[in-house]
Amino acid sequence: MNKICQVLDFDADVLLFNKDTYIVSRFKELISENFSQKFRTPLREHHGDFSVSGLFKRLCINEVNFQVEDITWQSSTEGINCQVFRVGSTGWQSGKLRIKASTEIISPLMQKEAGKLNITVVLEFYPDNPNEPESPLDDIRKMIQAEAT
């Protein structure tokens, strides 16, 4: 995977995974909903809060209690094969996608008031050919500009 990262922050861009397509905003929404569901789902049938967020709130090592407020999760460093179609471009760009989701651990009382966890999703795209022009016309424009000077 190359080191050039492009953050996909334009919600109308399109992602293609094999045969499945998503607009960026919907893909982020699905990730956020999935994390929210997993953080609220009880892990065991006992009394008390045994959800993922509940377990992190009770993190204790050698009698030292830790206040865990933020956690960042990310997909593997290899990335996920995908293609991106940016609004205004002329075609698909292939590369790898890394997903980072930051979760804010909120107390159960605040969760009831807020209605959901605070989850931020960032999509990082690593193009296979980072030096490839976004438009085939870019090369022609550069030639015309070079001739004019």
N, C-alpha and C. Protein backbone atom coordinates (compact mmCIF):
# COMPACT_ATOMS: atom_id res chain seq x y z
N MET A 1 0.85 -1.18 0.00
CA MET A 1 0.00 0.00 0.00
C MET A 1 0.89 1.24 0.00
N ASN A 2 0.60 2.19 -0.88
CA ASN A 2 1.42 3.40 -0.92
C ASN A 2 1.14 4.27 0.30
N LYS A 3 1.95 5.31 0.48
CA LYS A 3 1.85 6.15 1.67
C LYS A 3 1.02 7.40 1.44
N ILE A 4 0.55 7.61 0.22
CA ILE A 4 -0.23 8.80 -0.06
C ILE A 4 -1.69 8.54 0.32
N CYS A 5 -2.16 9.31 1.28
CA CYS A 5 -3.50 9.13 1.82
C CYS A 5 -4.41 10.28 1.36
N GLN A 6 -5.59 9.93 0.92
CA GLN A 6 -6.61 10.92 0.57
C GLN A 6 -7.81 10.65 1.47
N VAL A 7 -8.17 11.61 2.30
CA VAL A 7 -9.33 11.46 3.17
C VAL A 7 -10.58 11.67 2.32
N LEU A 8 -11.48 10.71 2.39
CA LEU A 8 -12.73 10.79 1.63
C LEU A 8 -13.76 11.53 2.48
N ASP A 9 -13.85 12.83 2.28
CA ASP A 9 -14.76 13.62 3.10
C ASP A 9 -15.89 14.26 2.30
N PHE A 10 -15.94 14.01 0.99
CA PHE A 10 -17.05 14.53 0.19
C PHE A 10 -18.12 13.44 0.14
N ASP A 11 -19.26 13.71 0.77
CA ASP A 11 -20.29 12.70 0.99
C ASP A 11 -20.90 12.10 -0.27
N ALA A 12 -20.81 12.80 -1.40
CA ALA A 12 -21.44 12.31 -2.63
C ALA A 12 -20.53 11.41 -3.47
N ASP A 13 -19.23 11.29 -3.09
CA ASP A 13 -18.35 10.38 -3.81
C ASP A 13 -18.85 8.95 -3.63
N VAL A 14 -18.44 8.06 -4.54
CA VAL A 14 -18.96 6.69 -4.55
C VAL A 14 -17.83 5.69 -4.31
N LEU A 15 -18.11 4.69 -3.49
CA LEU A 15 -17.18 3.59 -3.22
C LEU A 15 -17.70 2.32 -3.88
N LEU A 16 -16.78 1.55 -4.47
CA LEU A 16 -17.15 0.28 -5.09
C LEU A 16 -16.31 -0.84 -4.49
N PHE A 17 -16.98 -1.82 -3.88
CA PHE A 17 -16.33 -3.01 -3.33
C PHE A 17 -16.88 -4.20 -4.10
N ASN A 18 -16.05 -4.80 -4.95
CA ASN A 18 -16.49 -5.89 -5.82
C ASN A 18 -17.73 -5.44 -6.60
N LYS A 19 -18.93 -5.87 -6.18
CA LYS A 19 -20.16 -5.49 -6.89
C LYS A 19 -21.04 -4.55 -6.07
N ASP A 20 -20.63 -4.22 -4.86
CA ASP A 20 -21.43 -3.37 -3.99
C ASP A 20 -20.95 -1.92 -4.06
N THR A 21 -21.87 -1.00 -4.22
CA THR A 21 -21.53 0.42 -4.26
C THR A 21 -22.24 1.16 -3.12
N TYR A 22 -21.56 2.18 -2.61
CA TYR A 22 -22.10 3.03 -1.55
C TYR A 22 -21.66 4.46 -1.80
N ILE A 23 -22.52 5.42 -1.51
CA ILE A 23 -22.01 6.78 -1.46
C ILE A 23 -21.29 6.92 -0.12
N VAL A 24 -20.31 7.78 -0.05
CA VAL A 24 -19.46 7.92 1.13
C VAL A 24 -20.29 8.18 2.38
N SER A 25 -21.28 9.05 2.30
CA SER A 25 -22.08 9.38 3.49
C SER A 25 -22.82 8.16 4.01
N ARG A 26 -23.38 7.34 3.13
CA ARG A 26 -24.13 6.14 3.55
C ARG A 26 -23.18 5.09 4.15
N PHE A 27 -22.00 4.94 3.55
CA PHE A 27 -21.03 3.98 4.07
C PHE A 27 -20.60 4.37 5.48
N LYS A 28 -20.34 5.65 5.72
CA LYS A 28 -19.98 6.13 7.05
C LYS A 28 -21.13 5.89 8.04
N GLU A 29 -22.35 6.13 7.57
CA GLU A 29 -23.54 5.92 8.39
C GLU A 29 -23.65 4.45 8.83
N LEU A 30 -23.44 3.52 7.88
CA LEU A 30 -23.53 2.09 8.19
C LEU A 30 -22.46 1.67 9.20
N ILE A 31 -21.26 2.20 9.06
CA ILE A 31 -20.19 1.89 10.01
C ILE A 31 -20.55 2.42 11.39
N SER A 32 -21.02 3.65 11.44
CA SER A 32 -21.41 4.26 12.70
C SER A 32 -22.53 3.47 13.38
N GLU A 33 -23.55 3.07 12.61
CA GLU A 33 -24.66 2.29 13.17
C GLU A 33 -24.16 0.95 13.70
N ASN A 34 -23.25 0.31 12.98
CA ASN A 34 -22.72 -0.98 13.39
C ASN A 34 -21.95 -0.85 14.70
N PHE A 35 -21.10 0.17 14.81
CA PHE A 35 -20.36 0.39 16.06
C PHE A 35 -21.31 0.70 17.21
N SER A 36 -22.29 1.53 16.95
CA SER A 36 -23.24 1.90 17.99
C SER A 36 -23.98 0.67 18.51
N GLN A 37 -24.39 -0.20 17.60
CA GLN A 37 -25.10 -1.42 17.99
C GLN A 37 -24.19 -2.32 18.82
N LYS A 38 -22.96 -2.49 18.41
CA LYS A 38 -22.03 -3.37 19.13
C LYS A 38 -21.68 -2.81 20.52
N PHE A 39 -21.62 -1.49 20.64
CA PHE A 39 -21.29 -0.89 21.92
C PHE A 39 -22.45 -0.99 22.91
N ARG A 40 -23.65 -1.13 22.41
CA ARG A 40 -24.82 -1.21 23.30
C ARG A 40 -25.27 -2.62 23.56
N THR A 41 -24.92 -3.58 22.73
CA THR A 41 -25.38 -4.95 22.88
C THR A 41 -24.71 -5.60 24.09
N PRO A 42 -25.50 -6.15 25.02
CA PRO A 42 -24.90 -6.81 26.19
C PRO A 42 -24.08 -8.03 25.75
N LEU A 43 -22.92 -8.21 26.40
CA LEU A 43 -22.05 -9.33 26.09
C LEU A 43 -22.42 -10.58 26.88
N ARG A 44 -23.02 -10.41 28.07
CA ARG A 44 -23.41 -11.54 28.91
C ARG A 44 -24.79 -11.28 29.49
N GLU A 45 -25.42 -12.35 29.95
CA GLU A 45 -26.74 -12.23 30.57
C GLU A 45 -26.58 -12.13 32.09
N HIS A 46 -26.01 -11.06 32.58
CA HIS A 46 -25.84 -10.83 34.01
C HIS A 46 -26.45 -9.48 34.35
N HIS A 47 -26.48 -9.22 35.63
CA HIS A 47 -26.96 -7.90 36.06
C HIS A 47 -25.86 -6.88 35.84
N GLY A 48 -26.22 -5.71 35.52
CA GLY A 48 -25.24 -4.66 35.29
C GLY A 48 -25.01 -4.43 33.81
N ASP A 49 -24.15 -3.50 33.53
CA ASP A 49 -23.86 -3.11 32.15
C ASP A 49 -22.66 -3.89 31.65
N PHE A 50 -22.89 -4.91 30.83
CA PHE A 50 -21.82 -5.70 30.26
C PHE A 50 -21.68 -5.43 28.77
N SER A 51 -22.07 -4.26 28.35
CA SER A 51 -21.84 -3.87 26.96
C SER A 51 -20.36 -3.52 26.81
N VAL A 52 -19.89 -3.38 25.59
CA VAL A 52 -18.49 -3.02 25.36
C VAL A 52 -18.18 -1.70 26.05
N SER A 53 -19.06 -0.73 25.89
CA SER A 53 -18.80 0.56 26.53
C SER A 53 -18.81 0.44 28.05
N GLY A 54 -19.69 -0.41 28.59
CA GLY A 54 -19.74 -0.63 30.03
C GLY A 54 -18.46 -1.25 30.55
N LEU A 55 -17.91 -2.21 29.81
CA LEU A 55 -16.66 -2.84 30.23
C LEU A 55 -15.51 -1.86 30.22
N PHE A 56 -15.46 -0.97 29.22
CA PHE A 56 -14.37 0.00 29.17
C PHE A 56 -14.50 1.04 30.27
N LYS A 57 -15.72 1.32 30.72
CA LYS A 57 -15.90 2.29 31.80
C LYS A 57 -15.35 1.75 33.10
N ARG A 58 -15.27 0.42 33.23
CA ARG A 58 -14.79 -0.20 34.47
C ARG A 58 -13.36 -0.70 34.33
N LEU A 59 -12.57 -0.15 33.45
CA LEU A 59 -11.20 -0.62 33.23
C LEU A 59 -10.35 -0.34 34.46
N CYS A 60 -9.76 -1.40 35.03
CA CYS A 60 -8.96 -1.29 36.24
C CYS A 60 -7.76 -2.21 36.12
N ILE A 61 -6.56 -1.69 36.35
CA ILE A 61 -5.34 -2.47 36.31
C ILE A 61 -4.59 -2.23 37.62
N ASN A 62 -4.32 -3.31 38.36
CA ASN A 62 -3.63 -3.22 39.65
C ASN A 62 -4.25 -2.18 40.57
N GLU A 63 -5.55 -2.23 40.69
CA GLU A 63 -6.34 -1.34 41.54
C GLU A 63 -6.29 0.12 41.12
N VAL A 64 -5.82 0.38 39.94
CA VAL A 64 -5.84 1.74 39.40
C VAL A 64 -6.99 1.80 38.40
N ASN A 65 -7.96 2.66 38.66
CA ASN A 65 -9.10 2.82 37.76
C ASN A 65 -8.76 3.79 36.64
N PHE A 66 -9.13 3.42 35.45
CA PHE A 66 -8.89 4.27 34.28
C PHE A 66 -10.22 4.81 33.78
N GLN A 67 -10.24 6.08 33.49
CA GLN A 67 -11.41 6.71 32.89
C GLN A 67 -11.21 6.69 31.39
N VAL A 68 -11.85 5.76 30.70
CA VAL A 68 -11.72 5.65 29.26
C VAL A 68 -12.82 6.50 28.63
N GLU A 69 -12.42 7.47 27.86
CA GLU A 69 -13.40 8.36 27.24
C GLU A 69 -13.44 8.22 25.73
N ASP A 70 -12.29 8.03 25.09
CA ASP A 70 -12.24 7.93 23.63
C ASP A 70 -11.44 6.71 23.23
N ILE A 71 -11.91 6.03 22.21
CA ILE A 71 -11.20 4.89 21.65
C ILE A 71 -11.22 5.05 20.14
N THR A 72 -10.10 4.78 19.48
CA THR A 72 -10.05 4.82 18.02
C THR A 72 -9.81 3.40 17.52
N TRP A 73 -10.66 2.96 16.62
CA TRP A 73 -10.57 1.65 16.00
C TRP A 73 -10.18 1.87 14.55
N GLN A 74 -9.36 1.00 13.99
CA GLN A 74 -9.03 1.15 12.58
C GLN A 74 -8.93 -0.22 11.92
N SER A 75 -9.23 -0.24 10.63
CA SER A 75 -9.13 -1.48 9.87
C SER A 75 -7.66 -1.82 9.68
N SER A 76 -7.39 -2.98 9.13
CA SER A 76 -6.01 -3.46 9.00
C SER A 76 -5.16 -2.50 8.17
N THR A 77 -3.86 -2.56 8.40
CA THR A 77 -2.93 -1.68 7.69
C THR A 77 -2.85 -2.02 6.21
N GLU A 78 -3.24 -3.24 5.82
CA GLU A 78 -3.23 -3.61 4.40
C GLU A 78 -4.32 -2.88 3.63
N GLY A 79 -5.36 -2.50 4.30
CA GLY A 79 -6.46 -1.81 3.65
C GLY A 79 -7.41 -2.77 2.96
N ILE A 80 -8.51 -2.25 2.50
CA ILE A 80 -9.55 -3.01 1.82
C ILE A 80 -9.54 -2.59 0.35
N ASN A 81 -9.49 -3.56 -0.56
CA ASN A 81 -9.52 -3.24 -1.98
C ASN A 81 -10.84 -2.57 -2.33
N CYS A 82 -10.75 -1.46 -3.02
CA CYS A 82 -11.96 -0.76 -3.46
C CYS A 82 -11.61 0.19 -4.60
N GLN A 83 -12.65 0.78 -5.15
CA GLN A 83 -12.49 1.82 -6.15
C GLN A 83 -13.31 3.02 -5.71
N VAL A 84 -12.85 4.20 -6.07
CA VAL A 84 -13.54 5.44 -5.71
C VAL A 84 -13.87 6.20 -6.99
N PHE A 85 -15.10 6.69 -7.04
CA PHE A 85 -15.50 7.59 -8.12
C PHE A 85 -15.83 8.91 -7.47
N ARG A 86 -15.01 9.91 -7.77
CA ARG A 86 -15.23 11.25 -7.20
C ARG A 86 -16.12 12.07 -8.12
N VAL A 87 -17.01 12.82 -7.51
CA VAL A 87 -17.87 13.71 -8.29
C VAL A 87 -16.99 14.67 -9.07
N GLY A 88 -17.23 14.74 -10.37
CA GLY A 88 -16.45 15.62 -11.23
C GLY A 88 -15.29 14.93 -11.91
N SER A 89 -14.96 13.70 -11.52
CA SER A 89 -13.87 12.99 -12.17
C SER A 89 -14.41 12.24 -13.39
N THR A 90 -13.50 11.65 -14.15
CA THR A 90 -13.92 10.98 -15.38
C THR A 90 -13.94 9.46 -15.26
N GLY A 91 -13.54 8.93 -14.11
CA GLY A 91 -13.54 7.47 -13.98
C GLY A 91 -13.21 7.01 -12.58
N TRP A 92 -13.22 5.70 -12.42
CA TRP A 92 -12.94 5.08 -11.14
C TRP A 92 -11.44 5.06 -10.87
N GLN A 93 -11.07 5.21 -9.61
CA GLN A 93 -9.68 5.12 -9.19
C GLN A 93 -9.57 3.95 -8.21
N SER A 94 -8.70 2.99 -8.51
CA SER A 94 -8.57 1.83 -7.63
C SER A 94 -7.51 2.08 -6.56
N GLY A 95 -7.68 1.40 -5.44
CA GLY A 95 -6.74 1.54 -4.34
C GLY A 95 -7.20 0.76 -3.13
N LYS A 96 -6.72 1.18 -1.98
CA LYS A 96 -7.04 0.53 -0.70
C LYS A 96 -7.74 1.55 0.20
N LEU A 97 -8.67 1.05 0.99
CA LEU A 97 -9.41 1.89 1.92
C LEU A 97 -9.12 1.46 3.34
N ARG A 98 -8.81 2.42 4.18
CA ARG A 98 -8.67 2.18 5.63
C ARG A 98 -9.78 2.94 6.33
N ILE A 99 -10.36 2.30 7.31
CA ILE A 99 -11.47 2.89 8.05
C ILE A 99 -11.02 3.15 9.48
N LYS A 100 -11.26 4.36 9.96
CA LYS A 100 -10.99 4.70 11.35
C LYS A 100 -12.29 5.18 11.98
N ALA A 101 -12.63 4.57 13.10
CA ALA A 101 -13.84 4.97 13.82
C ALA A 101 -13.43 5.35 15.24
N SER A 102 -13.77 6.56 15.64
CA SER A 102 -13.48 7.02 16.99
C SER A 102 -14.78 7.01 17.78
N THR A 103 -14.74 6.37 18.94
CA THR A 103 -15.94 6.29 19.77
C THR A 103 -15.71 7.06 21.06
N GLU A 104 -16.71 7.78 21.46
CA GLU A 104 -16.66 8.50 22.73
C GLU A 104 -17.50 7.72 23.72
N ILE A 105 -16.88 7.24 24.78
CA ILE A 105 -17.59 6.49 25.82
C ILE A 105 -18.38 7.47 26.66
N ILE A 106 -19.69 7.27 26.68
CA ILE A 106 -20.59 8.17 27.40
C ILE A 106 -21.26 7.38 28.52
N SER A 107 -21.47 8.01 29.66
CA SER A 107 -22.12 7.31 30.77
C SER A 107 -23.53 6.90 30.37
N PRO A 108 -24.09 5.82 30.99
CA PRO A 108 -25.43 5.36 30.63
C PRO A 108 -26.49 6.45 30.75
N LEU A 109 -26.37 7.32 31.75
CA LEU A 109 -27.34 8.40 31.92
C LEU A 109 -27.30 9.34 30.71
N MET A 110 -26.09 9.68 30.27
CA MET A 110 -25.95 10.57 29.12
C MET A 110 -26.43 9.89 27.84
N GLN A 111 -26.24 8.56 27.73
CA GLN A 111 -26.68 7.84 26.54
C GLN A 111 -28.19 7.96 26.37
N LYS A 112 -28.92 7.87 27.50
CA LYS A 112 -30.39 7.97 27.41
C LYS A 112 -30.79 9.37 26.93
N GLU A 113 -30.07 10.37 27.41
CA GLU A 113 -30.37 11.74 27.00
C GLU A 113 -29.99 11.97 25.54
N ALA A 114 -28.81 11.48 25.16
CA ALA A 114 -28.32 11.73 23.81
C ALA A 114 -28.98 10.80 22.80
N GLY A 115 -29.36 9.59 23.24
CA GLY A 115 -30.01 8.66 22.34
C GLY A 115 -29.04 7.82 21.52
N LYS A 116 -27.76 8.18 21.47
CA LYS A 116 -26.78 7.38 20.73
C LYS A 116 -25.37 7.74 21.17
N LEU A 117 -24.45 6.86 20.83
CA LEU A 117 -23.04 7.12 21.12
C LEU A 117 -22.50 8.11 20.11
N ASN A 118 -21.46 8.81 20.49
CA ASN A 118 -20.81 9.73 19.57
C ASN A 118 -19.72 8.96 18.83
N ILE A 119 -19.93 8.68 17.55
CA ILE A 119 -18.98 7.91 16.75
C ILE A 119 -18.60 8.74 15.53
N THR A 120 -17.30 8.91 15.33
CA THR A 120 -16.79 9.65 14.18
C THR A 120 -16.08 8.66 13.27
N VAL A 121 -16.43 8.69 11.97
CA VAL A 121 -15.84 7.76 11.00
C VAL A 121 -15.02 8.56 10.00
N VAL A 122 -13.78 8.10 9.77
CA VAL A 122 -12.89 8.71 8.77
C VAL A 122 -12.50 7.62 7.78
N LEU A 123 -12.64 7.92 6.49
CA LEU A 123 -12.25 6.99 5.44
C LEU A 123 -10.98 7.51 4.78
N GLU A 124 -9.93 6.69 4.80
CA GLU A 124 -8.66 7.06 4.17
C GLU A 124 -8.48 6.19 2.93
N PHE A 125 -8.26 6.84 1.80
CA PHE A 125 -8.08 6.13 0.54
C PHE A 125 -6.64 6.24 0.10
N TYR A 126 -6.04 5.10 -0.24
CA TYR A 126 -4.66 5.03 -0.71
C TYR A 126 -4.69 4.55 -2.16
N PRO A 127 -4.62 5.46 -3.14
CA PRO A 127 -4.72 5.06 -4.54
C PRO A 127 -3.56 4.17 -4.98
N ASP A 128 -3.87 3.21 -5.88
CA ASP A 128 -2.82 2.35 -6.43
C ASP A 128 -1.83 3.15 -7.27
N ASN A 129 -2.34 4.13 -8.03
CA ASN A 129 -1.51 4.98 -8.88
C ASN A 129 -1.68 6.43 -8.45
N PRO A 130 -1.00 6.86 -7.38
CA PRO A 130 -1.22 8.21 -6.86
C PRO A 130 -0.80 9.32 -7.81
N ASN A 131 0.10 9.03 -8.74
CA ASN A 131 0.56 10.07 -9.66
C ASN A 131 -0.31 10.17 -10.90
N GLU A 132 -1.28 9.29 -11.03
CA GLU A 132 -2.17 9.28 -12.18
C GLU A 132 -3.02 10.54 -12.15
N PRO A 133 -3.12 11.28 -13.26
CA PRO A 133 -3.95 12.48 -13.25
C PRO A 133 -5.42 12.12 -13.04
N GLU A 134 -6.15 13.03 -12.39
CA GLU A 134 -7.56 12.77 -12.15
C GLU A 134 -8.37 12.82 -13.43
N SER A 135 -7.92 13.58 -14.40
CA SER A 135 -8.62 13.68 -15.67
C SER A 135 -7.63 13.47 -16.80
N PRO A 136 -8.03 12.75 -17.86
CA PRO A 136 -7.13 12.59 -18.99
C PRO A 136 -6.79 13.93 -19.64
N LEU A 137 -7.59 14.93 -19.42
CA LEU A 137 -7.35 16.26 -19.99
C LEU A 137 -6.26 17.02 -19.25
N ASP A 138 -5.91 16.58 -18.03
CA ASP A 138 -4.87 17.28 -17.26
C ASP A 138 -3.55 17.34 -18.01
N ASP A 139 -3.15 16.24 -18.67
CA ASP A 139 -1.90 16.23 -19.43
C ASP A 139 -1.95 17.22 -20.58
N ILE A 140 -3.08 17.29 -21.28
CA ILE A 140 -3.24 18.23 -22.41
C ILE A 140 -3.18 19.67 -21.90
N ARG A 141 -3.83 19.94 -20.77
CA ARG A 141 -3.81 21.28 -20.20
C ARG A 141 -2.38 21.70 -19.85
N LYS A 142 -1.61 20.77 -19.28
CA LYS A 142 -0.22 21.08 -18.93
C LYS A 142 0.61 21.38 -20.17
N MET A 143 0.39 20.62 -21.25
CA MET A 143 1.13 20.86 -22.50
C MET A 143 0.78 22.23 -23.07
N ILE A 144 -0.49 22.58 -23.08
CA ILE A 144 -0.92 23.89 -23.60
C ILE A 144 -0.35 25.00 -22.75
N GLN A 145 -0.36 24.83 -21.43
CA GLN A 145 0.18 25.83 -20.53
C GLN A 145 1.68 25.98 -20.73
N ALA A 146 2.40 24.89 -20.96
CA ALA A 146 3.84 24.93 -21.18
C ALA A 146 4.17 25.65 -22.49
N GLU A 147 3.35 25.43 -23.53
CA GLU A 147 3.56 26.08 -24.83
C GLU A 147 3.29 27.57 -24.74
N ALA A 148 2.35 27.96 -23.89
CA ALA A 148 1.99 29.38 -23.77
C ALA A 148 3.08 30.19 -23.06
N THR A 149 3.90 29.54 -22.28
CA THR A 149 4.94 30.30 -21.55
C THR A 149 6.24 30.36 -22.27
